[in-house]
Structure formats: C-alpha cells, structure tokens
Amino acid sequence: MRFYPYIKLLHILLAIMAVGFNASYGIWLARSAKEPEHQSHVLRTIKLLDDRFANPAYGFLFITGLLMVVISPISISTFWISTSIGLWLVLGFLAFFGYSPTLRRQIALLDSGQSGSAEFERLARRGQIVGGILGLIVLLILYLMVVKPTP
C-alpha cells in the first residue's frame, strides 16, 4: 500500500492527459471547418496527439488501474471497477476500429485532393459520431471512478 498514492497520482495525471487531448479534438475540428485550408494540418495534429499521447495514456491508465486493484483490498469484481474495465474495452475497440481508421482515411482523401468530396464529408460525420460516443463512454468511466456507485 506504500506505493498506492503514487500510482493513483500517476493514474489521475494520465487521465487528465488522455481526456484533455481528446476533448481538444472538437475544438481543432470546429476551427478547421471554418478554415478548410488548415484541415490537413489539423487532422495530422489530431492523429499525432491521439497516437503519441492520448492512446498511450489510456493504455497506461489500464495498467495503473489494475496495479491499484492488485495492491489494494478492493476487488476487481467491485461494480464500478469491473464496469469501468468493460467500458474501457469497448472504448478501445471503437477507437481502434472506428475512430482511427476514419481519421486515417480522411487524411488520405486530403492528400489526394478530395477534401470537398462526399466521401470526405461522410467520414467527417462518422468521426463526429464515433468521437461523441467515445466522449460519452469516457465521461461514464470518469463518473464511475469518481462517484464509485454500488448497485
């Protein structure tokens, strides 16, 4: 238990980083919608932030969360922990198979000069929808971690 507060601090810092970067994507995208000449830069920056910072932070969140469960008397079967783990797995699946490929395809279309195409617009809407769903899942996990409800 001696290391628990330090692991918890790291866990919280990782959550701030992951959620903070993800929350900024909407701002980046809204600004680029008003300035289409910057779309490529914006999408590439979002991809960089996602690949290098947010996604690794989510991975380390999982590890530090499990570490805290292992060294504390709290069981992994506790409702708010097991539900959060399940939601984290759904989050990872949707991000890996939904959001990331959409973002990659948008960048590829921009590179081929198809930024105004119907396909690009469809992908932009898909990214907004998937991004919104991911945001809701993250908020639900945060709620569970902070409130720690028991059914």
C-alpha atoms as a PDB file:
ATOM      1  CA  MET A   1       0.000   0.000   0.000  1.00  0.00           C
ATOM      2  CA  ARG A   2       3.015   2.276   0.383  1.00  0.00           C
ATOM      3  CA  PHE A   3       3.128   2.957  -3.388  1.00  0.00           C
ATOM      4  CA  TYR A   4      -0.635   3.278  -3.816  1.00  0.00           C
ATOM      5  CA  PRO A   5      -0.808   7.110  -3.561  1.00  0.00           C
ATOM      6  CA  TYR A   6       1.934   7.496  -6.174  1.00  0.00           C
ATOM      7  CA  ILE A   7       0.302   5.065  -8.563  1.00  0.00           C
ATOM      8  CA  LYS A   8      -3.021   6.847  -8.015  1.00  0.00           C
ATOM      9  CA  LEU A   9      -1.377  10.211  -8.745  1.00  0.00           C
ATOM     10  CA  LEU A  10       0.091   8.816 -11.972  1.00  0.00           C
ATOM     11  CA  HIS A  11      -3.313   7.331 -12.833  1.00  0.00           C
ATOM     12  CA  ILE A  12      -5.007  10.717 -12.387  1.00  0.00           C
ATOM     13  CA  LEU A  13      -2.333  12.544 -14.392  1.00  0.00           C
ATOM     14  CA  LEU A  14      -2.723  10.038 -17.227  1.00  0.00           C
ATOM     15  CA  ALA A  15      -6.498  10.525 -17.166  1.00  0.00           C
ATOM     16  CA  ILE A  16      -6.076  14.293 -17.359  1.00  0.00           C
ATOM     17  CA  MET A  17      -3.722  13.928 -20.306  1.00  0.00           C
ATOM     18  CA  ALA A  18      -5.842  11.403 -22.224  1.00  0.00           C
ATOM     19  CA  VAL A  19      -9.176  13.108 -21.663  1.00  0.00           C
ATOM     20  CA  GLY A  20      -7.713  16.571 -22.145  1.00  0.00           C
ATOM     21  CA  PHE A  21      -6.223  15.762 -25.528  1.00  0.00           C
ATOM     22  CA  ASN A  22      -9.424  14.020 -26.638  1.00  0.00           C
ATOM     23  CA  ALA A  23     -11.564  16.952 -25.515  1.00  0.00           C
ATOM     24  CA  SER A  24      -9.453  19.316 -27.606  1.00  0.00           C
ATOM     25  CA  TYR A  25     -10.198  17.462 -30.861  1.00  0.00           C
ATOM     26  CA  GLY A  26     -13.641  19.017 -31.157  1.00  0.00           C
ATOM     27  CA  ILE A  27     -12.142  22.494 -30.893  1.00  0.00           C
ATOM     28  CA  TRP A  28      -9.498  21.693 -33.519  1.00  0.00           C
ATOM     29  CA  LEU A  29     -12.131  20.264 -35.877  1.00  0.00           C
ATOM     30  CA  ALA A  30     -14.553  23.169 -35.418  1.00  0.00           C
ATOM     31  CA  ARG A  31     -11.800  25.654 -36.220  1.00  0.00           C
ATOM     32  CA  SER A  32     -10.662  23.729 -39.294  1.00  0.00           C
ATOM     33  CA  ALA A  33     -14.238  23.577 -40.589  1.00  0.00           C
ATOM     34  CA  LYS A  34     -14.144  27.377 -40.726  1.00  0.00           C
ATOM     35  CA  GLU A  35     -10.672  27.372 -42.307  1.00  0.00           C
ATOM     36  CA  PRO A  36     -10.583  24.394 -44.706  1.00  0.00           C
ATOM     37  CA  GLU A  37      -7.093  25.298 -45.901  1.00  0.00           C
ATOM     38  CA  HIS A  38      -5.852  24.096 -42.489  1.00  0.00           C
ATOM     39  CA  GLN A  39      -7.726  20.765 -42.446  1.00  0.00           C
ATOM     40  CA  SER A  40      -4.696  18.687 -43.321  1.00  0.00           C
ATOM     41  CA  HIS A  41      -2.616  20.256 -40.570  1.00  0.00           C
ATOM     42  CA  VAL A  42      -5.430  19.873 -38.050  1.00  0.00           C
ATOM     43  CA  LEU A  43      -6.190  16.233 -38.860  1.00  0.00           C
ATOM     44  CA  ARG A  44      -2.498  15.331 -38.804  1.00  0.00           C
ATOM     45  CA  THR A  45      -2.110  17.095 -35.448  1.00  0.00           C
ATOM     46  CA  ILE A  46      -5.098  15.230 -34.014  1.00  0.00           C
ATOM     47  CA  LYS A  47      -3.628  11.956 -35.282  1.00  0.00           C
ATOM     48  CA  LEU A  48      -0.271  12.816 -33.685  1.00  0.00           C
ATOM     49  CA  LEU A  49      -1.883  13.736 -30.358  1.00  0.00           C
ATOM     50  CA  ASP A  50      -4.006  10.596 -30.440  1.00  0.00           C
ATOM     51  CA  ASP A  51      -1.226   8.190 -31.455  1.00  0.00           C
ATOM     52  CA  ARG A  52       1.570   9.596 -29.308  1.00  0.00           C
ATOM     53  CA  PHE A  53      -0.165  10.937 -26.222  1.00  0.00           C
ATOM     54  CA  ALA A  54      -3.850  10.106 -25.673  1.00  0.00           C
ATOM     55  CA  ASN A  55      -3.842   6.436 -26.682  1.00  0.00           C
ATOM     56  CA  PRO A  56      -0.663   5.549 -24.772  1.00  0.00           C
ATOM     57  CA  ALA A  57      -2.113   7.376 -21.752  1.00  0.00           C
ATOM     58  CA  TYR A  58      -5.264   5.232 -21.986  1.00  0.00           C
ATOM     59  CA  GLY A  59      -3.069   2.130 -22.105  1.00  0.00           C
ATOM     60  CA  PHE A  60      -1.116   3.186 -19.023  1.00  0.00           C
ATOM     61  CA  LEU A  61      -4.403   4.093 -17.306  1.00  0.00           C
ATOM     62  CA  PHE A  62      -5.442   0.474 -17.664  1.00  0.00           C
ATOM     63  CA  ILE A  63      -2.121  -0.731 -16.249  1.00  0.00           C
ATOM     64  CA  THR A  64      -2.065   1.690 -13.294  1.00  0.00           C
ATOM     65  CA  GLY A  65      -5.725   0.939 -12.569  1.00  0.00           C
ATOM     66  CA  LEU A  66      -5.040  -2.785 -12.424  1.00  0.00           C
ATOM     67  CA  LEU A  67      -1.964  -2.158 -10.289  1.00  0.00           C
ATOM     68  CA  MET A  68      -4.050  -0.207  -7.777  1.00  0.00           C
ATOM     69  CA  VAL A  69      -6.559  -3.067  -7.606  1.00  0.00           C
ATOM     70  CA  VAL A  70      -3.762  -5.596  -7.057  1.00  0.00           C
ATOM     71  CA  ILE A  71      -2.176  -3.690  -4.165  1.00  0.00           C
ATOM     72  CA  SER A  72      -5.410  -2.563  -2.511  1.00  0.00           C
ATOM     73  CA  PRO A  73      -8.093  -4.524  -0.686  1.00  0.00           C
ATOM     74  CA  ILE A  74     -10.653  -3.605  -3.368  1.00  0.00           C
ATOM     75  CA  SER A  75     -11.767  -6.493  -5.580  1.00  0.00           C
ATOM     76  CA  ILE A  76     -11.707  -6.309  -9.367  1.00  0.00           C
ATOM     77  CA  SER A  77     -15.308  -7.582  -9.238  1.00  0.00           C
ATOM     78  CA  THR A  78     -16.422  -4.391  -7.484  1.00  0.00           C
ATOM     79  CA  PHE A  79     -19.187  -2.913  -9.651  1.00  0.00           C
ATOM     80  CA  TRP A  80     -17.549   0.401 -10.538  1.00  0.00           C
ATOM     81  CA  ILE A  81     -14.202  -1.256 -11.301  1.00  0.00           C
ATOM     82  CA  SER A  82     -15.494  -4.145 -13.410  1.00  0.00           C
ATOM     83  CA  THR A  83     -17.913  -1.860 -15.270  1.00  0.00           C
ATOM     84  CA  SER A  84     -15.127   0.646 -15.945  1.00  0.00           C
ATOM     85  CA  ILE A  85     -12.898  -2.114 -17.307  1.00  0.00           C
ATOM     86  CA  GLY A  86     -15.695  -3.296 -19.597  1.00  0.00           C
ATOM     87  CA  LEU A  87     -16.292   0.249 -20.822  1.00  0.00           C
ATOM     88  CA  TRP A  88     -12.537   0.750 -21.321  1.00  0.00           C
ATOM     89  CA  LEU A  89     -12.501  -2.339 -23.557  1.00  0.00           C
ATOM     90  CA  VAL A  90     -15.450  -1.002 -25.582  1.00  0.00           C
ATOM     91  CA  LEU A  91     -13.692   2.373 -25.791  1.00  0.00           C
ATOM     92  CA  GLY A  92     -10.519   0.758 -27.113  1.00  0.00           C
ATOM     93  CA  PHE A  93     -12.433  -1.311 -29.659  1.00  0.00           C
ATOM     94  CA  LEU A  94     -14.371   1.697 -31.005  1.00  0.00           C
ATOM     95  CA  ALA A  95     -11.269   3.879 -31.092  1.00  0.00           C
ATOM     96  CA  PHE A  96      -9.127   1.267 -32.842  1.00  0.00           C
ATOM     97  CA  PHE A  97     -11.725   0.039 -35.334  1.00  0.00           C
ATOM     98  CA  GLY A  98     -13.854   3.181 -35.683  1.00  0.00           C
ATOM     99  CA  TYR A  99     -12.176   6.487 -34.979  1.00  0.00           C
ATOM    100  CA  SER A 100      -8.574   5.806 -36.019  1.00  0.00           C
ATOM    101  CA  PRO A 101      -9.380   4.305 -39.452  1.00  0.00           C
ATOM    102  CA  THR A 102     -11.802   7.159 -40.136  1.00  0.00           C
ATOM    103  CA  LEU A 103      -9.131   9.720 -39.324  1.00  0.00           C
ATOM    104  CA  ARG A 104      -6.538   7.910 -41.477  1.00  0.00           C
ATOM    105  CA  ARG A 105      -8.962   7.776 -44.414  1.00  0.00           C
ATOM    106  CA  GLN A 106      -9.770  11.486 -44.068  1.00  0.00           C
ATOM    107  CA  ILE A 107      -6.066  12.322 -44.200  1.00  0.00           C
ATOM    108  CA  ALA A 108      -5.621  10.090 -47.270  1.00  0.00           C
ATOM    109  CA  LEU A 109      -8.503  11.868 -49.028  1.00  0.00           C
ATOM    110  CA  LEU A 110      -6.992  15.253 -48.188  1.00  0.00           C
ATOM    111  CA  ASP A 111      -3.653  14.108 -49.579  1.00  0.00           C
ATOM    112  CA  SER A 112      -5.346  13.101 -52.839  1.00  0.00           C
ATOM    113  CA  GLY A 113      -7.110  16.465 -53.135  1.00  0.00           C
ATOM    114  CA  GLN A 114     -10.593  15.189 -52.254  1.00  0.00           C
ATOM    115  CA  SER A 115     -11.285  17.366 -49.225  1.00  0.00           C
ATOM    116  CA  GLY A 116     -14.649  18.531 -50.543  1.00  0.00           C
ATOM    117  CA  SER A 117     -15.836  15.134 -51.717  1.00  0.00           C
ATOM    118  CA  ALA A 118     -18.961  13.377 -50.482  1.00  0.00           C
ATOM    119  CA  GLU A 119     -16.734  10.618 -49.087  1.00  0.00           C
ATOM    120  CA  PHE A 120     -14.722  13.125 -47.035  1.00  0.00           C
ATOM    121  CA  GLU A 121     -17.921  14.684 -45.664  1.00  0.00           C
ATOM    122  CA  ARG A 122     -19.302  11.228 -44.816  1.00  0.00           C
ATOM    123  CA  LEU A 123     -16.105  10.380 -42.955  1.00  0.00           C
ATOM    124  CA  ALA A 124     -16.181  13.719 -41.130  1.00  0.00           C
ATOM    125  CA  ARG A 125     -19.729  12.976 -39.909  1.00  0.00           C
ATOM    126  CA  ARG A 126     -18.709   9.449 -38.944  1.00  0.00           C
ATOM    127  CA  GLY A 127     -15.740  10.851 -36.995  1.00  0.00           C
ATOM    128  CA  GLN A 128     -18.056  13.249 -35.156  1.00  0.00           C
ATOM    129  CA  ILE A 129     -20.486  10.481 -34.258  1.00  0.00           C
ATOM    130  CA  VAL A 130     -17.833   7.994 -33.153  1.00  0.00           C
ATOM    131  CA  GLY A 131     -15.946  10.752 -31.333  1.00  0.00           C
ATOM    132  CA  GLY A 132     -19.126  11.730 -29.492  1.00  0.00           C
ATOM    133  CA  ILE A 133     -19.804   8.132 -28.471  1.00  0.00           C
ATOM    134  CA  LEU A 134     -16.199   7.776 -27.265  1.00  0.00           C
ATOM    135  CA  GLY A 135     -16.577  11.001 -25.288  1.00  0.00           C
ATOM    136  CA  LEU A 136     -19.724   9.707 -23.591  1.00  0.00           C
ATOM    137  CA  ILE A 137     -18.002   6.443 -22.683  1.00  0.00           C
ATOM    138  CA  VAL A 138     -15.071   8.367 -21.200  1.00  0.00           C
ATOM    139  CA  LEU A 139     -17.463  10.529 -19.162  1.00  0.00           C
ATOM    140  CA  LEU A 140     -19.205   7.409 -17.878  1.00  0.00           C
ATOM    141  CA  ILE A 141     -15.875   5.881 -16.843  1.00  0.00           C
ATOM    142  CA  LEU A 142     -14.925   9.136 -15.097  1.00  0.00           C
ATOM    143  CA  TYR A 143     -18.270   9.113 -13.295  1.00  0.00           C
ATOM    144  CA  LEU A 144     -17.690   5.543 -12.120  1.00  0.00           C
ATOM    145  CA  MET A 145     -14.138   6.295 -10.979  1.00  0.00           C
ATOM    146  CA  VAL A 146     -15.106   9.412  -9.024  1.00  0.00           C
ATOM    147  CA  VAL A 147     -18.536   8.510  -7.606  1.00  0.00           C
ATOM    148  CA  LYS A 148     -17.829   4.767  -7.151  1.00  0.00           C
ATOM    149  CA  PRO A 149     -21.525   3.782  -7.204  1.00  0.00           C
ATOM    150  CA  THR A 150     -22.692   0.438  -5.908  1.00  0.00           C
ATOM    151  CA  PRO A 151     -25.911  -1.111  -7.249  1.00  0.00           C
END
